[in-house]
Amino acid sequence: MLILAIESSCDDTAAAVLEPENRVRSSVVSSQNEIHARFGGIVPELASRRHIEMIRPVVDEALAQAGVGLDDIDLIAATRGPGLVGSLLVGFTFAKALALVRGLPCVGVDHMAGHLLSCLLENPQPAFPYTALIVSGGNTSLFAVDDPLTFTRLGRTRDDAAGEAFDKVAKLLGLGYPGGPAISHLAADGDPAAIAFPRARLGEDSLDFSFSGLKTSVAAHVDGQRRSGAPLAVADICASFQEAVVDVLADKTLAAAERTGHRRVVLGGGVAANPRLRAVLAERCAARGFKLFLPAPALCTDNAAMIGLAGYYRFLAGQLAAADTDAYSRSPLN
């Protein structure tokens, strides 16, 4: 079986072709960073228009790279939500229309489910069950994953997602968009202990996250430095901010794994590509006897390969999309 997968939940237009055995034949992503960078963040209307322009070329390129045509495809999977509704409708409607014309089954996939299962596209693969941290620009959540279709939320952010906090701090420092890579790059030359930014624990037993206070603390520090006329130690600010985020993410993930009793921990989402987060989580998991599974950075950011894999399991369960199945902005998983 060959699966054509489409992802358009935010600002990346992506398509992939893969086999059920988790072999990715092709994965193509068209980024919109150059469009949104001048605004310091994603403009939904511009994102939707760009998806309309790119959806067909990206799908054609994925098929070409896989060396197959539409006649070879057996299943179409597309992101149904969550995300920007305008963006989602472009990819999901395209997928449903293509499936209808070609007489193929179609499944709508939750974007979060794709991130939760993306580690299965790598070798070695984690066995079920496992505890997963999904951390991105729009989501920061912990899940217990019992099987490819059963996810139980353990904790989530109460305000800003971690990736959103990275972008806002980067904008504050004039580092451009997207902010995560810029902060990570500068943090490598900074002192993570230079500034004692706060860690929001939210109570001894809480597995929820909060990053709005940290963001406010960074803003207050920067404002104070500018008022005093002192030069900004940008690398130290980036390193200290990043360390505060990573510290909380790692601590809560290990606490969640202890609570579930799972010995396997999975990381996913765009911020999962952050080198410091990967290193700290690996170190702390090893110290506690947990086995950590890290997708390659290309599988952490938005991609269609993970959507195709999640869609395959929905297909096996008979969870097909009808022509009138709608997209949704908020995930039922969250």
C-alpha atoms as a PDB file:
ATOM      1  CA  MET A   1       0.000   0.000   0.000  1.00  0.00           C
ATOM      2  CA  LEU A   2       1.155   3.506  -0.841  1.00  0.00           C
ATOM      3  CA  ILE A   3      -0.115   6.536   1.065  1.00  0.00           C
ATOM      4  CA  LEU A   4      -0.170  10.119  -0.189  1.00  0.00           C
ATOM      5  CA  ALA A   5      -0.172  12.466   2.814  1.00  0.00           C
ATOM      6  CA  ILE A   6      -0.802  16.215   2.972  1.00  0.00           C
ATOM      7  CA  GLU A   7      -0.080  18.672   5.792  1.00  0.00           C
ATOM      8  CA  SER A   8      -1.173  22.341   5.797  1.00  0.00           C
ATOM      9  CA  SER A   9      -2.079  23.136   9.400  1.00  0.00           C
ATOM     10  CA  CYS A  10      -0.047  26.337   9.683  1.00  0.00           C
ATOM     11  CA  ASP A  11       2.496  27.944   7.356  1.00  0.00           C
ATOM     12  CA  ASP A  12       4.223  24.953   5.744  1.00  0.00           C
ATOM     13  CA  THR A  13       2.746  23.165   2.734  1.00  0.00           C
ATOM     14  CA  ALA A  14       3.903  19.552   2.892  1.00  0.00           C
ATOM     15  CA  ALA A  15       3.287  16.296   1.078  1.00  0.00           C
ATOM     16  CA  ALA A  16       4.787  12.832   1.416  1.00  0.00           C
ATOM     17  CA  VAL A  17       4.516   9.340  -0.005  1.00  0.00           C
ATOM     18  CA  LEU A  18       5.102   6.400   2.318  1.00  0.00           C
ATOM     19  CA  GLU A  19       4.483   2.697   2.698  1.00  0.00           C
ATOM     20  CA  PRO A  20       2.692   1.104   5.674  1.00  0.00           C
ATOM     21  CA  GLU A  21       5.955  -0.461   6.803  1.00  0.00           C
ATOM     22  CA  ASN A  22       6.967   3.113   7.693  1.00  0.00           C
ATOM     23  CA  ARG A  23       9.307   3.571   4.763  1.00  0.00           C
ATOM     24  CA  VAL A  24       9.146   7.184   3.659  1.00  0.00           C
ATOM     25  CA  ARG A  25       9.455   7.294  -0.120  1.00  0.00           C
ATOM     26  CA  SER A  26       9.411  11.105  -0.275  1.00  0.00           C
ATOM     27  CA  SER A  27       8.784  14.098   1.962  1.00  0.00           C
ATOM     28  CA  VAL A  28       8.495  17.625   0.558  1.00  0.00           C
ATOM     29  CA  VAL A  29       7.999  20.806   2.591  1.00  0.00           C
ATOM     30  CA  SER A  30       7.465  24.299   1.197  1.00  0.00           C
ATOM     31  CA  SER A  31       8.232  26.877   3.882  1.00  0.00           C
ATOM     32  CA  GLN A  32       6.637  30.322   4.137  1.00  0.00           C
ATOM     33  CA  ASN A  33       9.247  31.829   6.475  1.00  0.00           C
ATOM     34  CA  GLU A  34      10.277  34.464   3.958  1.00  0.00           C
ATOM     35  CA  ILE A  35       6.666  35.665   3.691  1.00  0.00           C
ATOM     36  CA  HIS A  36       5.964  35.988   7.410  1.00  0.00           C
ATOM     37  CA  ALA A  37       9.410  37.077   8.646  1.00  0.00           C
ATOM     38  CA  ARG A  38       8.741  40.748   7.912  1.00  0.00           C
ATOM     39  CA  PHE A  39       5.701  40.638  10.208  1.00  0.00           C
ATOM     40  CA  GLY A  40       7.456  38.850  13.059  1.00  0.00           C
ATOM     41  CA  GLY A  41       4.906  36.038  13.003  1.00  0.00           C
ATOM     42  CA  ILE A  42       2.389  34.173  10.878  1.00  0.00           C
ATOM     43  CA  VAL A  43      -0.313  36.158   9.068  1.00  0.00           C
ATOM     44  CA  PRO A  44      -3.188  33.659   8.586  1.00  0.00           C
ATOM     45  CA  GLU A  45      -4.590  35.187   5.402  1.00  0.00           C
ATOM     46  CA  LEU A  46      -1.192  35.194   3.712  1.00  0.00           C
ATOM     47  CA  ALA A  47      -0.586  31.626   4.847  1.00  0.00           C
ATOM     48  CA  SER A  48      -3.867  30.435   3.302  1.00  0.00           C
ATOM     49  CA  ARG A  49      -3.160  32.133  -0.003  1.00  0.00           C
ATOM     50  CA  ARG A  50       0.305  30.623  -0.193  1.00  0.00           C
ATOM     51  CA  HIS A  51      -1.092  27.142   0.510  1.00  0.00           C
ATOM     52  CA  ILE A  52      -3.464  27.564  -2.447  1.00  0.00           C
ATOM     53  CA  GLU A  53      -0.507  28.396  -4.677  1.00  0.00           C
ATOM     54  CA  MET A  54       1.731  25.579  -3.444  1.00  0.00           C
ATOM     55  CA  ILE A  55      -0.517  22.600  -2.691  1.00  0.00           C
ATOM     56  CA  ARG A  56      -0.529  21.138  -6.211  1.00  0.00           C
ATOM     57  CA  PRO A  57       3.200  21.697  -6.956  1.00  0.00           C
ATOM     58  CA  VAL A  58       4.184  20.193  -3.598  1.00  0.00           C
ATOM     59  CA  VAL A  59       2.000  17.109  -4.119  1.00  0.00           C
ATOM     60  CA  ASP A  60       3.353  16.680  -7.649  1.00  0.00           C
ATOM     61  CA  GLU A  61       6.928  16.956  -6.356  1.00  0.00           C
ATOM     62  CA  ALA A  62       6.304  14.364  -3.630  1.00  0.00           C
ATOM     63  CA  LEU A  63       4.929  11.927  -6.201  1.00  0.00           C
ATOM     64  CA  ALA A  64       7.837  12.607  -8.553  1.00  0.00           C
ATOM     65  CA  GLN A  65      10.465  12.099  -5.853  1.00  0.00           C
ATOM     66  CA  ALA A  66       8.796   8.827  -4.857  1.00  0.00           C
ATOM     67  CA  GLY A  67       8.793   7.691  -8.469  1.00  0.00           C
ATOM     68  CA  VAL A  68       5.054   7.036  -8.473  1.00  0.00           C
ATOM     69  CA  GLY A  69       1.871   8.515  -9.928  1.00  0.00           C
ATOM     70  CA  LEU A  70      -1.641   8.944  -8.590  1.00  0.00           C
ATOM     71  CA  ASP A  71      -2.563   5.574 -10.121  1.00  0.00           C
ATOM     72  CA  ASP A  72      -0.195   3.930  -7.631  1.00  0.00           C
ATOM     73  CA  ILE A  73      -1.714   5.584  -4.540  1.00  0.00           C
ATOM     74  CA  ASP A  74      -4.039   3.492  -2.349  1.00  0.00           C
ATOM     75  CA  LEU A  75      -4.884   5.953   0.444  1.00  0.00           C
ATOM     76  CA  ILE A  76      -4.896   9.715   0.928  1.00  0.00           C
ATOM     77  CA  ALA A  77      -4.351  11.202   4.397  1.00  0.00           C
ATOM     78  CA  ALA A  78      -4.468  14.880   5.313  1.00  0.00           C
ATOM     79  CA  THR A  79      -4.329  17.011   8.430  1.00  0.00           C
ATOM     80  CA  ARG A  80      -7.848  17.850   9.611  1.00  0.00           C
ATOM     81  CA  GLY A  81      -6.820  19.962  12.620  1.00  0.00           C
ATOM     82  CA  PRO A  82      -5.822  21.665  14.814  1.00  0.00           C
ATOM     83  CA  GLY A  83      -4.349  24.777  13.275  1.00  0.00           C
ATOM     84  CA  LEU A  84      -5.312  27.801  11.207  1.00  0.00           C
ATOM     85  CA  VAL A  85      -8.686  26.970   9.688  1.00  0.00           C
ATOM     86  CA  GLY A  86      -7.963  28.715   6.395  1.00  0.00           C
ATOM     87  CA  SER A  87      -4.725  26.801   5.986  1.00  0.00           C
ATOM     88  CA  LEU A  88      -6.266  23.497   7.038  1.00  0.00           C
ATOM     89  CA  LEU A  89      -9.132  23.828   4.575  1.00  0.00           C
ATOM     90  CA  VAL A  90      -6.756  24.158   1.649  1.00  0.00           C
ATOM     91  CA  GLY A  91      -4.968  20.864   2.281  1.00  0.00           C
ATOM     92  CA  PHE A  92      -7.916  18.889   3.651  1.00  0.00           C
ATOM     93  CA  THR A  93     -10.299  19.979   0.892  1.00  0.00           C
ATOM     94  CA  PHE A  94      -7.684  19.212  -1.755  1.00  0.00           C
ATOM     95  CA  ALA A  95      -7.201  15.728  -0.265  1.00  0.00           C
ATOM     96  CA  LYS A  96     -10.934  14.978  -0.102  1.00  0.00           C
ATOM     97  CA  ALA A  97     -11.508  16.218  -3.650  1.00  0.00           C
ATOM     98  CA  LEU A  98      -8.583  14.210  -4.997  1.00  0.00           C
ATOM     99  CA  ALA A  99      -9.802  11.080  -3.188  1.00  0.00           C
ATOM    100  CA  LEU A 100     -13.334  11.570  -4.521  1.00  0.00           C
ATOM    101  CA  VAL A 101     -12.164  11.978  -8.111  1.00  0.00           C
ATOM    102  CA  ARG A 102      -9.774   9.024  -7.925  1.00  0.00           C
ATOM    103  CA  GLY A 103     -12.139   6.756  -5.977  1.00  0.00           C
ATOM    104  CA  LEU A 104      -9.694   6.418  -3.089  1.00  0.00           C
ATOM    105  CA  PRO A 105     -10.271   6.227   0.673  1.00  0.00           C
ATOM    106  CA  CYS A 106      -9.382   9.398   2.583  1.00  0.00           C
ATOM    107  CA  VAL A 107      -8.668   9.948   6.278  1.00  0.00           C
ATOM    108  CA  GLY A 108      -8.481  13.145   8.284  1.00  0.00           C
ATOM    109  CA  VAL A 109      -5.632  13.184  10.795  1.00  0.00           C
ATOM    110  CA  ASP A 110      -5.132  15.133  13.989  1.00  0.00           C
ATOM    111  CA  HIS A 111      -1.853  17.035  13.743  1.00  0.00           C
ATOM    112  CA  MET A 112      -1.046  16.159  17.358  1.00  0.00           C
ATOM    113  CA  ALA A 113      -1.442  12.447  16.585  1.00  0.00           C
ATOM    114  CA  GLY A 114       1.115  12.855  13.824  1.00  0.00           C
ATOM    115  CA  HIS A 115       3.666  14.303  16.237  1.00  0.00           C
ATOM    116  CA  LEU A 116       2.889  11.623  18.831  1.00  0.00           C
ATOM    117  CA  LEU A 117       3.632   8.868  16.296  1.00  0.00           C
ATOM    118  CA  SER A 118       6.471  10.490  14.323  1.00  0.00           C
ATOM    119  CA  CYS A 119       9.056   8.510  16.316  1.00  0.00           C
ATOM    120  CA  LEU A 120       7.691   5.335  14.661  1.00  0.00           C
ATOM    121  CA  LEU A 121       9.186   6.528  11.382  1.00  0.00           C
ATOM    122  CA  GLU A 122      12.651   6.074  12.905  1.00  0.00           C
ATOM    123  CA  ASN A 123      14.702   3.056  13.934  1.00  0.00           C
ATOM    124  CA  PRO A 124      14.689   1.857  16.597  1.00  0.00           C
ATOM    125  CA  GLN A 125      11.011   2.382  17.257  1.00  0.00           C
ATOM    126  CA  PRO A 126       9.559   2.620  20.754  1.00  0.00           C
ATOM    127  CA  ALA A 127       7.175  -0.102  21.836  1.00  0.00           C
ATOM    128  CA  PHE A 128       3.819   0.915  23.270  1.00  0.00           C
ATOM    129  CA  PRO A 129       3.017   2.322  25.765  1.00  0.00           C
ATOM    130  CA  TYR A 130       5.183   5.419  26.129  1.00  0.00           C
ATOM    131  CA  THR A 131       5.095   8.942  27.530  1.00  0.00           C
ATOM    132  CA  ALA A 132       5.406  11.743  24.968  1.00  0.00           C
ATOM    133  CA  LEU A 133       6.194  15.443  25.160  1.00  0.00           C
ATOM    134  CA  ILE A 134       4.895  17.411  22.183  1.00  0.00           C
ATOM    135  CA  VAL A 135       6.364  20.896  22.140  1.00  0.00           C
ATOM    136  CA  SER A 136       5.939  23.391  19.306  1.00  0.00           C
ATOM    137  CA  GLY A 137       4.832  26.903  18.469  1.00  0.00           C
ATOM    138  CA  GLY A 138       1.199  26.065  19.055  1.00  0.00           C
ATOM    139  CA  ASN A 139       1.309  23.210  21.559  1.00  0.00           C
ATOM    140  CA  THR A 140       3.137  22.116  24.672  1.00  0.00           C
ATOM    141  CA  SER A 141       1.534  18.961  26.040  1.00  0.00           C
ATOM    142  CA  LEU A 142       2.316  15.655  27.717  1.00  0.00           C
ATOM    143  CA  PHE A 143       0.566  12.444  26.695  1.00  0.00           C
ATOM    144  CA  ALA A 144       0.408   8.800  27.631  1.00  0.00           C
ATOM    145  CA  VAL A 145       0.386   6.878  24.332  1.00  0.00           C
ATOM    146  CA  ASP A 146      -1.108   3.409  24.763  1.00  0.00           C
ATOM    147  CA  ASP A 147      -1.366   2.456  21.081  1.00  0.00           C
ATOM    148  CA  PRO A 148      -1.490   4.207  17.679  1.00  0.00           C
ATOM    149  CA  LEU A 149      -5.028   5.457  18.337  1.00  0.00           C
ATOM    150  CA  THR A 150      -5.192   5.941  22.112  1.00  0.00           C
ATOM    151  CA  PHE A 151      -3.696   9.088  23.629  1.00  0.00           C
ATOM    152  CA  THR A 152      -4.361  10.421  27.116  1.00  0.00           C
ATOM    153  CA  ARG A 153      -3.395  13.999  27.882  1.00  0.00           C
ATOM    154  CA  LEU A 154      -1.428  14.337  31.120  1.00  0.00           C
ATOM    155  CA  GLY A 155      -0.607  18.036  31.023  1.00  0.00           C
ATOM    156  CA  ARG A 156      -0.670  21.075  28.762  1.00  0.00           C
ATOM    157  CA  THR A 157       0.309  24.715  28.682  1.00  0.00           C
ATOM    158  CA  ARG A 158      -2.015  27.127  30.435  1.00  0.00           C
ATOM    159  CA  ASP A 159      -0.919  30.076  28.300  1.00  0.00           C
ATOM    160  CA  ASP A 160       1.916  30.369  25.773  1.00  0.00           C
ATOM    161  CA  ALA A 161       3.313  27.283  24.110  1.00  0.00           C
ATOM    162  CA  ALA A 162       7.086  26.947  24.427  1.00  0.00           C
ATOM    163  CA  GLY A 163       7.674  27.655  20.758  1.00  0.00           C
ATOM    164  CA  GLU A 164       5.464  30.733  20.974  1.00  0.00           C
ATOM    165  CA  ALA A 165       7.554  31.962  23.904  1.00  0.00           C
ATOM    166  CA  PHE A 166      10.725  31.476  21.843  1.00  0.00           C
ATOM    167  CA  ASP A 167       9.237  33.507  18.988  1.00  0.00           C
ATOM    168  CA  LYS A 168       8.062  36.323  21.270  1.00  0.00           C
ATOM    169  CA  VAL A 169      11.390  36.605  23.069  1.00  0.00           C
ATOM    170  CA  ALA A 170      13.203  36.590  19.731  1.00  0.00           C
ATOM    171  CA  LYS A 171      10.965  39.403  18.520  1.00  0.00           C
ATOM    172  CA  LEU A 172      11.682  41.329  21.723  1.00  0.00           C
ATOM    173  CA  LEU A 173      15.405  40.985  21.059  1.00  0.00           C
ATOM    174  CA  GLY A 174      15.092  41.842  17.374  1.00  0.00           C
ATOM    175  CA  LEU A 175      16.229  38.409  16.224  1.00  0.00           C
ATOM    176  CA  GLY A 176      13.589  37.906  13.540  1.00  0.00           C
ATOM    177  CA  TYR A 177      11.206  35.042  12.778  1.00  0.00           C
ATOM    178  CA  PRO A 178      11.195  32.129  13.399  1.00  0.00           C
ATOM    179  CA  GLY A 179      12.712  32.760  16.803  1.00  0.00           C
ATOM    180  CA  GLY A 180      13.613  29.277  18.012  1.00  0.00           C
ATOM    181  CA  PRO A 181      16.623  28.632  15.760  1.00  0.00           C
ATOM    182  CA  ALA A 182      17.961  32.171  16.305  1.00  0.00           C
ATOM    183  CA  ILE A 183      17.798  31.891  20.094  1.00  0.00           C
ATOM    184  CA  SER A 184      19.316  28.405  20.055  1.00  0.00           C
ATOM    185  CA  HIS A 185      22.199  29.600  17.888  1.00  0.00           C
ATOM    186  CA  LEU A 186      23.012  32.591  20.103  1.00  0.00           C
ATOM    187  CA  ALA A 187      22.516  30.591  23.311  1.00  0.00           C
ATOM    188  CA  ALA A 188      25.437  28.361  22.331  1.00  0.00           C
ATOM    189  CA  ASP A 189      27.769  31.307  23.083  1.00  0.00           C
ATOM    190  CA  GLY A 190      25.980  32.449  26.243  1.00  0.00           C
ATOM    191  CA  ASP A 191      25.959  31.544  29.924  1.00  0.00           C
ATOM    192  CA  PRO A 192      22.744  29.685  30.894  1.00  0.00           C
ATOM    193  CA  ALA A 193      23.283  30.686  34.524  1.00  0.00           C
ATOM    194  CA  ALA A 194      23.898  34.374  33.827  1.00  0.00           C
ATOM    195  CA  ILE A 195      20.317  35.465  34.580  1.00  0.00           C
ATOM    196  CA  ALA A 196      18.023  33.771  37.090  1.00  0.00           C
ATOM    197  CA  PHE A 197      14.855  33.677  35.027  1.00  0.00           C
ATOM    198  CA  PRO A 198      11.886  32.012  36.802  1.00  0.00           C
ATOM    199  CA  ARG A 199      10.636  28.442  36.357  1.00  0.00           C
ATOM    200  CA  ALA A 200       6.866  28.049  36.654  1.00  0.00           C
ATOM    201  CA  ARG A 201       6.267  24.731  38.434  1.00  0.00           C
ATOM    202  CA  LEU A 202       2.509  25.278  39.051  1.00  0.00           C
ATOM    203  CA  GLY A 203       2.382  23.068  42.115  1.00  0.00           C
ATOM    204  CA  GLU A 204       4.099  19.900  43.191  1.00  0.00           C
ATOM    205  CA  ASP A 205       1.772  17.514  41.350  1.00  0.00           C
ATOM    206  CA  SER A 206       0.991  19.606  38.279  1.00  0.00           C
ATOM    207  CA  LEU A 207       2.081  18.431  34.834  1.00  0.00           C
ATOM    208  CA  ASP A 208       0.855  21.641  33.204  1.00  0.00           C
ATOM    209  CA  PHE A 209       3.138  24.319  31.782  1.00  0.00           C
ATOM    210  CA  SER A 210       3.188  28.123  31.857  1.00  0.00           C
ATOM    211  CA  PHE A 211       5.646  30.326  29.991  1.00  0.00           C
ATOM    212  CA  SER A 212       3.939  33.728  30.064  1.00  0.00           C
ATOM    213  CA  GLY A 213       5.641  34.697  33.333  1.00  0.00           C
ATOM    214  CA  LEU A 214       9.037  33.752  31.945  1.00  0.00           C
ATOM    215  CA  LYS A 215       8.379  35.824  28.837  1.00  0.00           C
ATOM    216  CA  THR A 216       7.379  38.786  31.025  1.00  0.00           C
ATOM    217  CA  SER A 217      10.532  38.357  33.114  1.00  0.00           C
ATOM    218  CA  VAL A 218      12.709  38.490  29.992  1.00  0.00           C
ATOM    219  CA  ALA A 219      10.880  41.612  28.823  1.00  0.00           C
ATOM    220  CA  ALA A 220      11.396  43.269  32.219  1.00  0.00           C
ATOM    221  CA  HIS A 221      15.104  42.410  32.210  1.00  0.00           C
ATOM    222  CA  VAL A 222      15.594  43.769  28.684  1.00  0.00           C
ATOM    223  CA  ASP A 223      13.657  46.936  29.520  1.00  0.00           C
ATOM    224  CA  GLY A 224      15.733  47.475  32.651  1.00  0.00           C
ATOM    225  CA  GLN A 225      18.987  47.045  30.763  1.00  0.00           C
ATOM    226  CA  ARG A 226      17.924  49.445  28.055  1.00  0.00           C
ATOM    227  CA  ARG A 227      16.790  52.063  30.577  1.00  0.00           C
ATOM    228  CA  SER A 228      20.135  51.881  32.368  1.00  0.00           C
ATOM    229  CA  GLY A 229      21.996  52.292  29.109  1.00  0.00           C
ATOM    230  CA  ALA A 230      23.894  49.045  29.643  1.00  0.00           C
ATOM    231  CA  PRO A 231      24.583  46.955  26.537  1.00  0.00           C
ATOM    232  CA  LEU A 232      22.387  43.906  26.185  1.00  0.00           C
ATOM    233  CA  ALA A 233      24.196  40.611  26.719  1.00  0.00           C
ATOM    234  CA  VAL A 234      22.003  38.956  24.088  1.00  0.00           C
ATOM    235  CA  ALA A 235      23.783  35.598  24.126  1.00  0.00           C
ATOM    236  CA  ASP A 236      23.439  35.342  27.907  1.00  0.00           C
ATOM    237  CA  ILE A 237      19.751  36.324  27.741  1.00  0.00           C
ATOM    238  CA  CYS A 238      19.120  33.690  25.089  1.00  0.00           C
ATOM    239  CA  ALA A 239      21.013  31.004  26.994  1.00  0.00           C
ATOM    240  CA  SER A 240      19.316  31.798  30.316  1.00  0.00           C
ATOM    241  CA  PHE A 241      15.854  31.953  28.757  1.00  0.00           C
ATOM    242  CA  GLN A 242      16.381  28.709  26.846  1.00  0.00           C
ATOM    243  CA  GLU A 243      17.650  26.972  29.972  1.00  0.00           C
ATOM    244  CA  ALA A 244      14.560  28.020  31.931  1.00  0.00           C
ATOM    245  CA  VAL A 245      12.281  26.569  29.244  1.00  0.00           C
ATOM    246  CA  VAL A 246      14.287  23.365  28.835  1.00  0.00           C
ATOM    247  CA  ASP A 247      14.564  22.814  32.594  1.00  0.00           C
ATOM    248  CA  VAL A 248      10.786  22.839  33.057  1.00  0.00           C
ATOM    249  CA  LEU A 249      10.098  20.750  29.958  1.00  0.00           C
ATOM    250  CA  ALA A 250      12.554  18.054  31.018  1.00  0.00           C
ATOM    251  CA  ASP A 251      11.475  17.967  34.664  1.00  0.00           C
ATOM    252  CA  LYS A 252       7.776  17.658  33.859  1.00  0.00           C
ATOM    253  CA  THR A 253       8.383  15.021  31.192  1.00  0.00           C
ATOM    254  CA  LEU A 254      10.288  12.827  33.637  1.00  0.00           C
ATOM    255  CA  ALA A 255       7.627  13.398  36.301  1.00  0.00           C
ATOM    256  CA  ALA A 256       4.982  12.281  33.791  1.00  0.00           C
ATOM    257  CA  ALA A 257       6.947   9.142  32.923  1.00  0.00           C
ATOM    258  CA  GLU A 258       7.306   8.310  36.608  1.00  0.00           C
ATOM    259  CA  ARG A 259       3.569   8.759  37.087  1.00  0.00           C
ATOM    260  CA  THR A 260       2.603   6.542  34.138  1.00  0.00           C
ATOM    261  CA  GLY A 261       5.216   3.929  34.939  1.00  0.00           C
ATOM    262  CA  HIS A 262       6.449   3.967  31.336  1.00  0.00           C
ATOM    263  CA  ARG A 263      10.145   3.376  30.754  1.00  0.00           C
ATOM    264  CA  ARG A 264      10.048   4.891  27.258  1.00  0.00           C
ATOM    265  CA  VAL A 265       9.948   8.642  26.583  1.00  0.00           C
ATOM    266  CA  VAL A 266       9.271  10.244  23.206  1.00  0.00           C
ATOM    267  CA  LEU A 267       9.884  13.828  22.096  1.00  0.00           C
ATOM    268  CA  GLY A 268       8.052  15.484  19.203  1.00  0.00           C
ATOM    269  CA  GLY A 269       7.065  18.850  17.728  1.00  0.00           C
ATOM    270  CA  GLY A 270       9.077  21.686  16.238  1.00  0.00           C
ATOM    271  CA  VAL A 271      10.854  22.656  19.465  1.00  0.00           C
ATOM    272  CA  ALA A 272      11.986  19.025  19.744  1.00  0.00           C
ATOM    273  CA  ALA A 273      14.650  19.981  17.196  1.00  0.00           C
ATOM    274  CA  ASN A 274      16.249  22.284  19.801  1.00  0.00           C
ATOM    275  CA  PRO A 275      19.731  20.836  20.543  1.00  0.00           C
ATOM    276  CA  ARG A 276      19.739  21.896  24.199  1.00  0.00           C
ATOM    277  CA  LEU A 277      16.367  20.282  24.897  1.00  0.00           C
ATOM    278  CA  ARG A 278      17.485  17.064  23.218  1.00  0.00           C
ATOM    279  CA  ALA A 279      20.752  16.991  25.173  1.00  0.00           C
ATOM    280  CA  VAL A 280      19.210  17.737  28.586  1.00  0.00           C
ATOM    281  CA  LEU A 281      16.365  15.280  28.135  1.00  0.00           C
ATOM    282  CA  ALA A 282      18.798  12.575  26.994  1.00  0.00           C
ATOM    283  CA  GLU A 283      21.023  13.179  30.019  1.00  0.00           C
ATOM    284  CA  ARG A 284      18.182  13.148  32.535  1.00  0.00           C
ATOM    285  CA  CYS A 285      16.465  10.131  30.977  1.00  0.00           C
ATOM    286  CA  ALA A 286      19.706   8.153  31.113  1.00  0.00           C
ATOM    287  CA  ALA A 287      20.212   9.103  34.763  1.00  0.00           C
ATOM    288  CA  ARG A 288      16.712   7.866  35.648  1.00  0.00           C
ATOM    289  CA  GLY A 289      16.787   4.696  33.557  1.00  0.00           C
ATOM    290  CA  PHE A 290      14.366   5.853  30.848  1.00  0.00           C
ATOM    291  CA  LYS A 291      14.918   5.138  27.164  1.00  0.00           C
ATOM    292  CA  LEU A 292      14.530   8.291  25.063  1.00  0.00           C
ATOM    293  CA  PHE A 293      13.376   8.288  21.431  1.00  0.00           C
ATOM    294  CA  LEU A 294      14.154  11.372  19.375  1.00  0.00           C
ATOM    295  CA  PRO A 295      12.866  11.834  15.814  1.00  0.00           C
ATOM    296  CA  ALA A 296      15.262  13.427  13.355  1.00  0.00           C
ATOM    297  CA  PRO A 297      14.844  17.228  13.256  1.00  0.00           C
ATOM    298  CA  ALA A 298      13.093  16.987   9.862  1.00  0.00           C
ATOM    299  CA  LEU A 299      10.427  14.816  11.497  1.00  0.00           C
ATOM    300  CA  CYS A 300      10.032  17.186  14.446  1.00  0.00           C
ATOM    301  CA  THR A 301       8.917  20.182  12.420  1.00  0.00           C
ATOM    302  CA  ASP A 302       5.650  20.050  10.473  1.00  0.00           C
ATOM    303  CA  ASN A 303       5.798  17.362   7.808  1.00  0.00           C
ATOM    304  CA  ALA A 304       3.393  15.107   5.923  1.00  0.00           C
ATOM    305  CA  ALA A 305       5.180  11.802   6.574  1.00  0.00           C
ATOM    306  CA  MET A 306       3.939  11.703  10.179  1.00  0.00           C
ATOM    307  CA  ILE A 307       0.418  12.529   8.943  1.00  0.00           C
ATOM    308  CA  GLY A 308       0.550   9.605   6.549  1.00  0.00           C
ATOM    309  CA  LEU A 309       1.608   7.208   9.297  1.00  0.00           C
ATOM    310  CA  ALA A 310      -1.111   8.377  11.689  1.00  0.00           C
ATOM    311  CA  GLY A 311      -3.587   8.203   8.808  1.00  0.00           C
ATOM    312  CA  TYR A 312      -2.671   4.594   8.089  1.00  0.00           C
ATOM    313  CA  TYR A 313      -3.696   3.516  11.583  1.00  0.00           C
ATOM    314  CA  ARG A 314      -6.976   5.441  11.274  1.00  0.00           C
ATOM    315  CA  PHE A 315      -7.587   3.675   7.963  1.00  0.00           C
ATOM    316  CA  LEU A 316      -7.064   0.266   9.576  1.00  0.00           C
ATOM    317  CA  ALA A 317      -9.615   1.238  12.217  1.00  0.00           C
ATOM    318  CA  GLY A 318     -12.137   2.225   9.542  1.00  0.00           C
ATOM    319  CA  GLN A 319     -12.083   5.913  10.486  1.00  0.00           C
ATOM    320  CA  LEU A 320     -12.565   7.375   7.018  1.00  0.00           C
ATOM    321  CA  ALA A 321     -13.398  10.953   6.087  1.00  0.00           C
ATOM    322  CA  ALA A 322     -16.596  11.688   4.187  1.00  0.00           C
ATOM    323  CA  ALA A 323     -16.925  14.401   1.558  1.00  0.00           C
ATOM    324  CA  ASP A 324     -18.565  16.708   4.114  1.00  0.00           C
ATOM    325  CA  THR A 325     -16.123  16.021   6.977  1.00  0.00           C
ATOM    326  CA  ASP A 326     -14.931  19.414   8.211  1.00  0.00           C
ATOM    327  CA  ALA A 327     -11.648  20.716   9.537  1.00  0.00           C
ATOM    328  CA  TYR A 328     -11.281  21.951  13.122  1.00  0.00           C
ATOM    329  CA  SER A 329      -9.089  24.579  14.768  1.00  0.00           C
ATOM    330  CA  ARG A 330      -8.868  22.986  18.233  1.00  0.00           C
ATOM    331  CA  SER A 331      -7.713  19.435  18.832  1.00  0.00           C
ATOM    332  CA  PRO A 332      -9.965  17.099  20.814  1.00  0.00           C
ATOM    333  CA  LEU A 333      -6.712  15.624  22.148  1.00  0.00           C
ATOM    334  CA  ASN A 334      -5.809  18.878  23.832  1.00  0.00           C
END
